Amino acid sequence: MSGKNQHVVQRENGWAVRGENNQRDTSHHSTQAEAERAARNIAINQKSEVLIHGENGRIRERNSYGNDPFPPKG
């Protein structure tokens, strides 16, 4: 992976996209779906991953948009 992984996380007033190890959020959104779309666009551009956190803060889904080092066979 060449760019920063993007995390979709819940905030008090909606959802945010935050680059891995960044101190501030990249963008804020009213719905999780909007935040996912924004994170996906950044990850595609940077060839990185999107990690979607649920309401409990745990990662519930992760999608790779880069050069996956372990692609599935077939």
N, C-alpha and C. Protein backbone atom coordinates (compact mmCIF):
# COMPACT_ATOMS: atom_id res chain seq x y z
N MET A 1 0.83 -1.16 0.00
CA MET A 1 0.00 0.00 0.00
C MET A 1 0.89 1.24 0.00
N SER A 2 0.50 2.23 -0.75
CA SER A 2 1.35 3.40 -0.83
C SER A 2 0.82 4.60 -0.05
N GLY A 3 -0.51 4.75 0.08
CA GLY A 3 -1.07 5.90 0.78
C GLY A 3 -1.51 5.54 2.18
N LYS A 4 -2.08 6.52 2.86
CA LYS A 4 -2.58 6.29 4.22
C LYS A 4 -3.92 5.58 4.18
N ASN A 5 -4.09 4.61 5.05
CA ASN A 5 -5.40 3.98 5.18
C ASN A 5 -6.39 4.99 5.71
N GLN A 6 -7.64 4.87 5.28
CA GLN A 6 -8.69 5.81 5.66
C GLN A 6 -9.66 5.11 6.60
N HIS A 7 -9.96 5.76 7.71
CA HIS A 7 -10.88 5.21 8.71
C HIS A 7 -12.19 5.99 8.69
N VAL A 8 -13.31 5.26 8.70
CA VAL A 8 -14.63 5.87 8.82
C VAL A 8 -15.05 5.66 10.26
N VAL A 9 -15.20 6.76 11.01
CA VAL A 9 -15.47 6.68 12.43
C VAL A 9 -16.66 7.55 12.82
N GLN A 10 -17.36 7.14 13.87
CA GLN A 10 -18.53 7.90 14.34
C GLN A 10 -18.08 9.09 15.18
N ARG A 11 -18.81 10.19 15.03
CA ARG A 11 -18.60 11.39 15.83
C ARG A 11 -19.93 11.77 16.48
N GLU A 12 -19.92 12.74 17.36
CA GLU A 12 -21.15 13.15 18.06
C GLU A 12 -22.26 13.55 17.10
N ASN A 13 -21.90 14.24 16.03
CA ASN A 13 -22.91 14.77 15.11
C ASN A 13 -22.88 14.10 13.74
N GLY A 14 -22.39 12.88 13.65
CA GLY A 14 -22.37 12.18 12.36
C GLY A 14 -21.18 11.25 12.24
N TRP A 15 -20.58 11.26 11.06
CA TRP A 15 -19.47 10.36 10.75
C TRP A 15 -18.33 11.14 10.14
N ALA A 16 -17.12 10.63 10.32
CA ALA A 16 -15.94 11.33 9.81
C ALA A 16 -15.02 10.36 9.09
N VAL A 17 -14.20 10.93 8.20
CA VAL A 17 -13.12 10.20 7.54
C VAL A 17 -11.83 10.73 8.14
N ARG A 18 -10.97 9.81 8.55
CA ARG A 18 -9.70 10.22 9.15
C ARG A 18 -8.57 9.36 8.58
N GLY A 19 -7.54 10.00 8.08
CA GLY A 19 -6.36 9.29 7.60
C GLY A 19 -5.62 8.66 8.77
N GLU A 20 -5.05 7.50 8.54
CA GLU A 20 -4.35 6.79 9.60
C GLU A 20 -3.23 7.65 10.18
N ASN A 21 -3.18 7.71 11.51
CA ASN A 21 -2.20 8.48 12.27
C ASN A 21 -2.35 9.99 12.14
N ASN A 22 -3.41 10.47 11.50
CA ASN A 22 -3.66 11.91 11.45
C ASN A 22 -4.24 12.37 12.77
N GLN A 23 -3.97 13.61 13.14
CA GLN A 23 -4.51 14.15 14.38
C GLN A 23 -5.90 14.74 14.19
N ARG A 24 -6.22 15.12 12.94
CA ARG A 24 -7.53 15.72 12.67
C ARG A 24 -8.27 14.92 11.61
N ASP A 25 -9.60 15.04 11.62
CA ASP A 25 -10.42 14.38 10.61
C ASP A 25 -10.22 15.04 9.26
N THR A 26 -10.31 14.25 8.20
CA THR A 26 -10.21 14.76 6.84
C THR A 26 -11.52 15.42 6.42
N SER A 27 -12.65 14.79 6.75
CA SER A 27 -13.96 15.34 6.38
C SER A 27 -15.02 14.82 7.34
N HIS A 28 -16.16 15.55 7.40
CA HIS A 28 -17.29 15.17 8.25
C HIS A 28 -18.53 14.99 7.38
N HIS A 29 -19.39 14.02 7.76
CA HIS A 29 -20.57 13.68 6.97
C HIS A 29 -21.73 13.37 7.91
N SER A 30 -22.94 13.58 7.41
CA SER A 30 -24.11 13.33 8.25
C SER A 30 -24.47 11.85 8.33
N THR A 31 -24.08 11.05 7.33
CA THR A 31 -24.37 9.61 7.35
C THR A 31 -23.10 8.80 7.17
N GLN A 32 -23.15 7.56 7.61
CA GLN A 32 -22.01 6.67 7.45
C GLN A 32 -21.78 6.37 5.98
N ALA A 33 -22.85 6.25 5.20
CA ALA A 33 -22.72 5.95 3.77
C ALA A 33 -21.96 7.07 3.04
N GLU A 34 -22.25 8.32 3.38
CA GLU A 34 -21.54 9.44 2.76
C GLU A 34 -20.06 9.40 3.12
N ALA A 35 -19.76 9.10 4.37
CA ALA A 35 -18.37 9.01 4.82
C ALA A 35 -17.65 7.86 4.13
N GLU A 36 -18.34 6.74 3.94
CA GLU A 36 -17.74 5.59 3.24
C GLU A 36 -17.38 5.96 1.81
N ARG A 37 -18.27 6.67 1.12
CA ARG A 37 -18.00 7.07 -0.27
C ARG A 37 -16.79 7.99 -0.34
N ALA A 38 -16.72 8.94 0.58
CA ALA A 38 -15.59 9.87 0.59
C ALA A 38 -14.28 9.13 0.88
N ALA A 39 -14.31 8.22 1.85
CA ALA A 39 -13.11 7.44 2.20
C ALA A 39 -12.68 6.56 1.03
N ARG A 40 -13.66 5.95 0.34
CA ARG A 40 -13.35 5.10 -0.80
C ARG A 40 -12.66 5.90 -1.90
N ASN A 41 -13.15 7.10 -2.19
CA ASN A 41 -12.53 7.93 -3.22
C ASN A 41 -11.09 8.28 -2.88
N ILE A 42 -10.85 8.61 -1.61
CA ILE A 42 -9.48 8.91 -1.18
C ILE A 42 -8.60 7.67 -1.30
N ALA A 43 -9.11 6.53 -0.85
CA ALA A 43 -8.33 5.29 -0.87
C ALA A 43 -8.01 4.85 -2.30
N ILE A 44 -8.95 5.02 -3.21
CA ILE A 44 -8.68 4.67 -4.61
C ILE A 44 -7.57 5.55 -5.15
N ASN A 45 -7.64 6.84 -4.85
CA ASN A 45 -6.63 7.79 -5.31
C ASN A 45 -5.26 7.49 -4.72
N GLN A 46 -5.22 7.08 -3.45
CA GLN A 46 -3.96 6.83 -2.77
C GLN A 46 -3.52 5.37 -2.80
N LYS A 47 -4.36 4.51 -3.39
CA LYS A 47 -4.09 3.06 -3.42
C LYS A 47 -3.86 2.52 -2.01
N SER A 48 -4.87 2.73 -1.16
CA SER A 48 -4.77 2.31 0.23
C SER A 48 -6.03 1.54 0.63
N GLU A 49 -6.29 1.43 1.93
CA GLU A 49 -7.44 0.68 2.43
C GLU A 49 -8.43 1.59 3.13
N VAL A 50 -9.69 1.14 3.18
CA VAL A 50 -10.73 1.80 3.96
C VAL A 50 -11.11 0.86 5.10
N LEU A 51 -11.09 1.38 6.31
CA LEU A 51 -11.50 0.61 7.49
C LEU A 51 -12.74 1.28 8.04
N ILE A 52 -13.86 0.55 8.03
CA ILE A 52 -15.14 1.10 8.47
C ILE A 52 -15.41 0.62 9.89
N HIS A 53 -15.53 1.58 10.79
CA HIS A 53 -15.80 1.27 12.19
C HIS A 53 -17.30 1.33 12.44
N GLY A 54 -17.79 0.43 13.26
CA GLY A 54 -19.20 0.44 13.63
C GLY A 54 -19.46 1.45 14.73
N GLU A 55 -20.70 1.52 15.19
CA GLU A 55 -21.06 2.46 16.25
C GLU A 55 -20.31 2.18 17.55
N ASN A 56 -19.87 0.94 17.73
CA ASN A 56 -19.13 0.57 18.95
C ASN A 56 -17.64 0.88 18.84
N GLY A 57 -17.20 1.39 17.69
CA GLY A 57 -15.79 1.74 17.50
C GLY A 57 -14.93 0.63 16.93
N ARG A 58 -15.44 -0.58 16.88
CA ARG A 58 -14.67 -1.71 16.34
C ARG A 58 -14.75 -1.74 14.82
N ILE A 59 -13.69 -2.22 14.20
CA ILE A 59 -13.66 -2.33 12.75
C ILE A 59 -14.64 -3.42 12.34
N ARG A 60 -15.58 -3.09 11.46
CA ARG A 60 -16.57 -4.07 11.02
C ARG A 60 -16.38 -4.47 9.57
N GLU A 61 -15.60 -3.68 8.83
CA GLU A 61 -15.36 -3.99 7.42
C GLU A 61 -14.08 -3.31 6.99
N ARG A 62 -13.38 -3.95 6.03
CA ARG A 62 -12.18 -3.33 5.49
C ARG A 62 -12.09 -3.69 4.02
N ASN A 63 -11.77 -2.68 3.21
CA ASN A 63 -11.68 -2.86 1.76
C ASN A 63 -10.37 -2.30 1.25
N SER A 64 -9.71 -3.06 0.38
CA SER A 64 -8.43 -2.66 -0.18
C SER A 64 -8.62 -2.10 -1.58
N TYR A 65 -8.01 -0.94 -1.85
CA TYR A 65 -8.08 -0.32 -3.16
C TYR A 65 -6.67 -0.10 -3.73
N GLY A 66 -5.71 -0.86 -3.24
CA GLY A 66 -4.35 -0.72 -3.70
C GLY A 66 -3.81 -2.02 -4.24
N ASN A 67 -2.52 -2.13 -4.23
CA ASN A 67 -1.86 -3.36 -4.64
C ASN A 67 -1.87 -4.32 -3.47
N ASP A 68 -2.87 -5.16 -3.43
CA ASP A 68 -3.03 -6.11 -2.33
C ASP A 68 -1.86 -7.10 -2.35
N PRO A 69 -1.10 -7.18 -1.26
CA PRO A 69 0.07 -8.08 -1.25
C PRO A 69 -0.32 -9.55 -1.24
N PHE A 70 -1.54 -9.88 -0.88
CA PHE A 70 -1.98 -11.27 -0.84
C PHE A 70 -3.31 -11.42 -1.58
N PRO A 71 -3.31 -11.28 -2.90
CA PRO A 71 -4.58 -11.40 -3.63
C PRO A 71 -5.10 -12.84 -3.58
N PRO A 72 -6.42 -13.00 -3.54
CA PRO A 72 -6.99 -14.34 -3.53
C PRO A 72 -6.76 -15.04 -4.87
N LYS A 73 -6.60 -16.35 -4.81
CA LYS A 73 -6.40 -17.13 -6.04
C LYS A 73 -7.73 -17.40 -6.70
N GLY A 74 -7.71 -17.38 -8.03
CA GLY A 74 -8.90 -17.73 -8.80
C GLY A 74 -9.73 -16.59 -9.04
